[in-house]
C-alpha cells in the first residue's frame, strides 16, 4: 500500500492504515510526503523503506521535496535517513519565512 499522509487524512490515519495493513500481513510504503512520512516509517515494522521523490531539475542531486518552503528538511545520504536527523521537536522543520511564494497561474 502507498497511502500519502497529505491525502489519507493525516499522520493519525496513516498510522491506522499501517496497523490494519500489518494485521493482514501487508507492507506499507507511504507515497512521497517527505519529512511527514519519515517520522511514521521509522516506527512501523511493516515498512521496508521510505519513498523519496527526486525533485532536482536534472534528477542528479538530492534536493528536499519541499525546498525552499521548509528549512532543515532531511534528505537521504547514501540511500538512508538516520533517525537522529528526525530527533527534533515536531517534524523537525520550520517554514522558510524568507521564501517568496508565487502562484504560476492566476484565477
N, C-alpha and C. Protein backbone atom coordinates (compact mmCIF):
# COMPACT_ATOMS: atom_id res chain seq x y z
N UNK A 1 0.84 -1.17 0.00
CA UNK A 1 0.00 0.00 0.00
C UNK A 1 0.88 1.23 0.00
N UNK A 2 0.37 2.31 -0.62
CA UNK A 2 1.11 3.56 -0.64
C UNK A 2 0.23 4.74 -0.28
N UNK A 3 -0.24 4.82 0.95
CA UNK A 3 -1.03 5.99 1.34
C UNK A 3 -0.14 7.23 1.43
N UNK A 4 -0.69 8.36 1.09
CA UNK A 4 0.04 9.63 1.20
C UNK A 4 -0.50 10.37 2.41
N UNK A 5 0.36 10.68 3.36
CA UNK A 5 -0.06 11.31 4.61
C UNK A 5 -0.80 12.62 4.36
N UNK A 6 -0.49 13.29 3.28
CA UNK A 6 -1.15 14.55 2.96
C UNK A 6 -2.55 14.38 2.40
N UNK A 7 -2.87 13.18 1.93
CA UNK A 7 -4.17 12.94 1.31
C UNK A 7 -5.03 11.92 2.05
N UNK A 8 -4.43 11.09 2.88
CA UNK A 8 -5.20 10.00 3.50
C UNK A 8 -5.92 10.43 4.77
N UNK A 9 -5.64 11.61 5.27
CA UNK A 9 -6.30 12.06 6.49
C UNK A 9 -5.32 12.47 7.58
N UNK A 10 -4.03 12.49 7.25
CA UNK A 10 -3.03 12.93 8.21
C UNK A 10 -2.25 11.79 8.83
N UNK A 11 -1.40 12.15 9.77
CA UNK A 11 -0.49 11.19 10.39
C UNK A 11 -1.23 10.12 11.18
N UNK A 12 -2.27 10.51 11.91
CA UNK A 12 -3.03 9.52 12.69
C UNK A 12 -3.65 8.47 11.78
N UNK A 13 -4.23 8.91 10.67
CA UNK A 13 -4.83 7.97 9.73
C UNK A 13 -3.77 7.09 9.08
N UNK A 14 -2.62 7.66 8.78
CA UNK A 14 -1.52 6.86 8.22
C UNK A 14 -1.11 5.75 9.19
N UNK A 15 -1.03 6.06 10.47
CA UNK A 15 -0.69 5.06 11.49
C UNK A 15 -1.77 3.98 11.54
N UNK A 16 -3.03 4.38 11.45
CA UNK A 16 -4.14 3.41 11.46
C UNK A 16 -4.08 2.50 10.23
N UNK A 17 -3.81 3.08 9.07
CA UNK A 17 -3.70 2.29 7.84
C UNK A 17 -2.56 1.28 7.96
N UNK A 18 -1.43 1.72 8.49
CA UNK A 18 -0.29 0.81 8.66
C UNK A 18 -0.62 -0.33 9.61
N UNK A 19 -1.37 -0.04 10.67
CA UNK A 19 -1.75 -1.08 11.63
C UNK A 19 -2.69 -2.10 11.00
N UNK A 20 -3.65 -1.62 10.22
CA UNK A 20 -4.58 -2.53 9.54
C UNK A 20 -3.81 -3.39 8.53
N UNK A 21 -2.92 -2.74 7.77
CA UNK A 21 -2.13 -3.48 6.79
C UNK A 21 -1.27 -4.54 7.48
N UNK A 22 -0.66 -4.17 8.60
CA UNK A 22 0.18 -5.12 9.35
C UNK A 22 -0.64 -6.32 9.81
N UNK A 23 -1.87 -6.08 10.27
CA UNK A 23 -2.72 -7.18 10.75
C UNK A 23 -3.08 -8.15 9.63
N UNK A 24 -2.93 -7.70 8.40
CA UNK A 24 -3.23 -8.54 7.24
C UNK A 24 -1.96 -8.97 6.50
N UNK A 25 -0.80 -8.73 7.14
CA UNK A 25 0.46 -9.17 6.55
C UNK A 25 0.90 -8.36 5.34
N UNK A 26 0.44 -7.13 5.24
CA UNK A 26 0.77 -6.29 4.08
C UNK A 26 1.81 -5.24 4.42
N UNK A 27 2.62 -4.90 3.44
CA UNK A 27 3.61 -3.84 3.60
C UNK A 27 3.00 -2.48 3.30
N UNK A 28 3.58 -1.45 3.89
CA UNK A 28 3.16 -0.07 3.64
C UNK A 28 4.41 0.74 3.33
N UNK A 29 4.37 1.46 2.23
CA UNK A 29 5.44 2.41 1.88
C UNK A 29 4.73 3.71 1.52
N UNK A 30 4.63 4.64 2.47
CA UNK A 30 3.91 5.88 2.19
C UNK A 30 4.44 6.58 0.94
N UNK A 31 3.52 7.12 0.17
CA UNK A 31 3.86 7.82 -1.06
C UNK A 31 4.38 9.22 -0.75
N UNK A 32 5.57 9.52 -1.22
CA UNK A 32 6.13 10.87 -1.07
C UNK A 32 6.08 11.40 0.35
N UNK A 33 5.58 12.58 0.48
CA UNK A 33 5.30 13.23 1.77
C UNK A 33 6.52 13.58 2.60
N UNK A 34 7.68 13.19 2.18
CA UNK A 34 8.93 13.61 2.80
C UNK A 34 8.94 13.47 4.31
N UNK A 35 9.29 14.55 4.99
CA UNK A 35 9.50 14.53 6.43
C UNK A 35 8.26 14.05 7.18
N UNK A 36 7.09 14.27 6.64
CA UNK A 36 5.86 13.87 7.31
C UNK A 36 5.68 12.36 7.33
N UNK A 37 6.17 11.69 6.33
CA UNK A 37 6.13 10.22 6.33
C UNK A 37 7.31 9.60 7.04
N UNK A 38 8.48 10.22 6.96
CA UNK A 38 9.68 9.63 7.55
C UNK A 38 9.51 9.34 9.04
N UNK A 39 8.86 10.23 9.76
CA UNK A 39 8.67 10.02 11.20
C UNK A 39 7.82 8.78 11.47
N UNK A 40 6.82 8.56 10.65
CA UNK A 40 5.97 7.38 10.83
C UNK A 40 6.71 6.12 10.41
N UNK A 41 7.35 6.17 9.26
CA UNK A 41 8.02 5.00 8.70
C UNK A 41 9.04 4.42 9.67
N UNK A 42 9.75 5.28 10.37
CA UNK A 42 10.80 4.80 11.27
C UNK A 42 10.22 3.99 12.44
N UNK A 43 8.91 4.13 12.68
CA UNK A 43 8.28 3.40 13.78
C UNK A 43 7.54 2.15 13.32
N UNK A 44 7.24 2.03 12.03
CA UNK A 44 6.49 0.89 11.52
C UNK A 44 7.40 -0.32 11.32
N UNK A 45 6.89 -1.50 11.62
CA UNK A 45 7.65 -2.72 11.36
C UNK A 45 7.30 -3.34 10.02
N UNK A 46 6.26 -2.85 9.37
CA UNK A 46 5.86 -3.38 8.07
C UNK A 46 6.15 -2.40 6.94
N UNK A 47 7.15 -1.55 7.15
CA UNK A 47 7.57 -0.59 6.13
C UNK A 47 9.06 -0.79 5.87
N UNK A 48 9.40 -1.41 4.72
CA UNK A 48 10.81 -1.70 4.46
C UNK A 48 11.65 -0.48 4.09
N UNK A 49 11.01 0.57 3.60
CA UNK A 49 11.74 1.78 3.22
C UNK A 49 10.77 2.95 3.11
N UNK A 50 11.35 4.13 2.96
CA UNK A 50 10.56 5.35 2.80
C UNK A 50 10.81 5.90 1.40
N UNK A 51 9.77 6.28 0.73
CA UNK A 51 9.91 6.83 -0.60
C UNK A 51 10.49 8.24 -0.53
N UNK A 52 11.39 8.55 -1.43
CA UNK A 52 11.95 9.90 -1.54
C UNK A 52 11.82 10.33 -2.98
N UNK A 53 11.15 11.44 -3.21
CA UNK A 53 10.95 11.92 -4.57
C UNK A 53 12.12 12.80 -5.00
N UNK A 54 12.67 12.50 -6.15
CA UNK A 54 13.76 13.31 -6.70
C UNK A 54 13.15 14.55 -7.33
N UNK A 55 13.38 15.70 -6.73
CA UNK A 55 12.77 16.93 -7.24
C UNK A 55 13.77 17.88 -7.86
N UNK A 56 15.03 17.47 -7.98
CA UNK A 56 16.00 18.34 -8.64
C UNK A 56 15.71 18.32 -10.14
N UNK A 57 15.92 19.43 -10.82
CA UNK A 57 15.58 19.50 -12.24
C UNK A 57 16.25 18.43 -13.09
N UNK A 58 17.47 18.05 -12.75
CA UNK A 58 18.18 17.06 -13.55
C UNK A 58 18.21 15.67 -12.92
N UNK A 59 17.56 15.50 -11.78
CA UNK A 59 17.50 14.23 -11.05
C UNK A 59 18.87 13.66 -10.72
N UNK A 60 19.86 14.52 -10.59
CA UNK A 60 21.19 14.03 -10.26
C UNK A 60 21.66 14.48 -8.88
N UNK A 61 20.89 15.33 -8.23
CA UNK A 61 21.25 15.81 -6.89
C UNK A 61 20.09 15.56 -5.94
N UNK A 62 20.41 15.43 -4.67
CA UNK A 62 19.38 15.24 -3.65
C UNK A 62 18.90 16.61 -3.20
N UNK A 63 17.66 16.88 -3.44
CA UNK A 63 17.06 18.16 -3.08
C UNK A 63 15.82 17.88 -2.25
N UNK A 64 15.64 18.56 -1.13
CA UNK A 64 14.44 18.33 -0.32
C UNK A 64 13.16 18.52 -1.13
N UNK A 65 12.18 17.70 -0.85
CA UNK A 65 10.93 17.75 -1.61
C UNK A 65 10.23 19.10 -1.50
N UNK A 66 10.26 19.70 -0.31
CA UNK A 66 9.55 20.96 -0.12
C UNK A 66 10.49 22.17 -0.14
N UNK A 67 11.65 22.03 -0.77
CA UNK A 67 12.60 23.13 -0.93
C UNK A 67 12.02 24.16 -1.89
N UNK A 68 12.05 25.42 -1.60
CA UNK A 68 12.68 26.14 -0.49
C UNK A 68 11.70 26.51 0.63
N UNK A 69 10.53 25.91 0.65
CA UNK A 69 9.49 26.29 1.61
C UNK A 69 9.84 25.88 3.04
N UNK A 70 10.42 24.68 3.21
CA UNK A 70 10.79 24.20 4.54
C UNK A 70 12.30 24.25 4.74
N UNK A 71 12.71 24.59 5.95
CA UNK A 71 14.12 24.60 6.31
C UNK A 71 14.47 23.32 7.07
N UNK A 72 15.67 22.85 6.91
CA UNK A 72 16.20 21.68 7.62
C UNK A 72 15.48 20.38 7.28
N UNK A 73 14.91 20.29 6.09
CA UNK A 73 14.25 19.05 5.67
C UNK A 73 15.33 18.00 5.36
N UNK A 74 15.26 16.83 6.00
CA UNK A 74 16.31 15.83 5.77
C UNK A 74 16.22 15.20 4.39
N UNK A 75 17.38 14.87 3.86
CA UNK A 75 17.46 14.13 2.59
C UNK A 75 18.33 12.90 2.83
N UNK A 76 18.12 11.85 2.07
CA UNK A 76 18.92 10.64 2.26
C UNK A 76 20.40 10.87 1.96
N UNK A 77 21.24 10.20 2.73
CA UNK A 77 22.68 10.18 2.48
C UNK A 77 23.03 8.72 2.24
N UNK A 78 23.57 8.43 1.08
CA UNK A 78 23.85 7.04 0.70
C UNK A 78 22.60 6.17 0.81
N UNK A 79 21.46 6.74 0.44
CA UNK A 79 20.21 5.99 0.44
C UNK A 79 19.53 5.84 1.78
N UNK A 80 20.02 6.50 2.81
CA UNK A 80 19.46 6.33 4.16
C UNK A 80 19.22 7.68 4.83
N UNK A 81 18.21 7.71 5.68
CA UNK A 81 17.99 8.84 6.58
C UNK A 81 18.12 8.28 7.99
N UNK A 82 19.09 8.75 8.72
CA UNK A 82 19.31 8.24 10.07
C UNK A 82 18.30 8.86 11.02
N UNK A 83 17.82 8.07 11.97
CA UNK A 83 16.79 8.55 12.89
C UNK A 83 17.23 9.77 13.68
N UNK A 84 18.52 9.97 13.86
CA UNK A 84 18.99 11.12 14.64
C UNK A 84 18.63 12.45 13.98
N UNK A 85 18.53 12.48 12.64
CA UNK A 85 18.17 13.75 11.99
C UNK A 85 16.69 14.07 12.16
N UNK A 86 15.91 13.09 12.60
CA UNK A 86 14.48 13.31 12.84
C UNK A 86 14.20 13.64 14.30
N UNK A 87 15.22 13.60 15.13
CA UNK A 87 15.05 13.79 16.58
C UNK A 87 15.05 15.27 16.94
N UNK A 88 13.99 15.94 16.53
CA UNK A 88 13.80 17.37 16.79
C UNK A 88 12.33 17.57 17.14
N UNK A 89 11.98 18.68 17.76
CA UNK A 89 10.57 18.93 18.08
C UNK A 89 9.69 18.94 16.82
N UNK A 90 8.48 18.47 16.97
CA UNK A 90 7.54 18.45 15.85
C UNK A 90 8.07 17.57 14.73
N UNK A 91 7.97 18.06 13.51
CA UNK A 91 8.50 17.31 12.37
C UNK A 91 9.96 17.67 12.09
N UNK A 92 10.53 18.56 12.90
CA UNK A 92 11.94 18.89 12.77
C UNK A 92 12.27 19.88 11.68
N UNK A 93 11.26 20.51 11.14
CA UNK A 93 11.48 21.52 10.10
C UNK A 93 10.74 22.80 10.49
N UNK A 94 11.09 23.88 9.84
CA UNK A 94 10.35 25.12 10.06
C UNK A 94 10.10 25.78 8.72
N UNK A 95 9.10 26.62 8.69
CA UNK A 95 8.78 27.35 7.47
C UNK A 95 9.87 28.36 7.17
N UNK A 96 10.22 28.47 5.92
CA UNK A 96 11.17 29.48 5.49
C UNK A 96 10.40 30.78 5.28
N UNK A 97 10.45 31.64 6.25
CA UNK A 97 9.68 32.89 6.19
C UNK A 97 10.23 33.87 5.16
N UNK A 98 11.43 33.61 4.65
CA UNK A 98 12.00 34.47 3.61
C UNK A 98 11.69 33.97 2.21
N UNK A 99 10.98 32.87 2.13
CA UNK A 99 10.64 32.29 0.83
C UNK A 99 9.51 33.10 0.19
N UNK A 100 9.78 33.61 -0.98
CA UNK A 100 8.74 34.35 -1.71
C UNK A 100 7.91 33.34 -2.49
N UNK A 101 6.72 33.10 -2.00
CA UNK A 101 5.84 32.16 -2.68
C UNK A 101 5.17 32.85 -3.85
N UNK A 102 5.02 32.13 -4.92
CA UNK A 102 4.34 32.69 -6.08
C UNK A 102 3.44 31.63 -6.67
N UNK A 103 2.41 32.06 -7.25
CA UNK A 103 1.50 31.15 -7.94
C UNK A 103 1.72 31.33 -9.44
N UNK A 104 2.02 30.25 -10.13
CA UNK A 104 2.31 30.38 -11.56
C UNK A 104 1.09 30.72 -12.41
N UNK A 105 -0.09 30.55 -11.84
CA UNK A 105 -1.31 30.81 -12.59
C UNK A 105 -2.19 31.76 -11.81
N UNK A 106 -2.96 32.54 -12.51
CA UNK A 106 -3.93 33.40 -11.82
C UNK A 106 -5.32 32.86 -12.10
N UNK A 107 -6.23 33.14 -11.19
CA UNK A 107 -7.59 32.62 -11.34
C UNK A 107 -8.53 33.73 -11.71
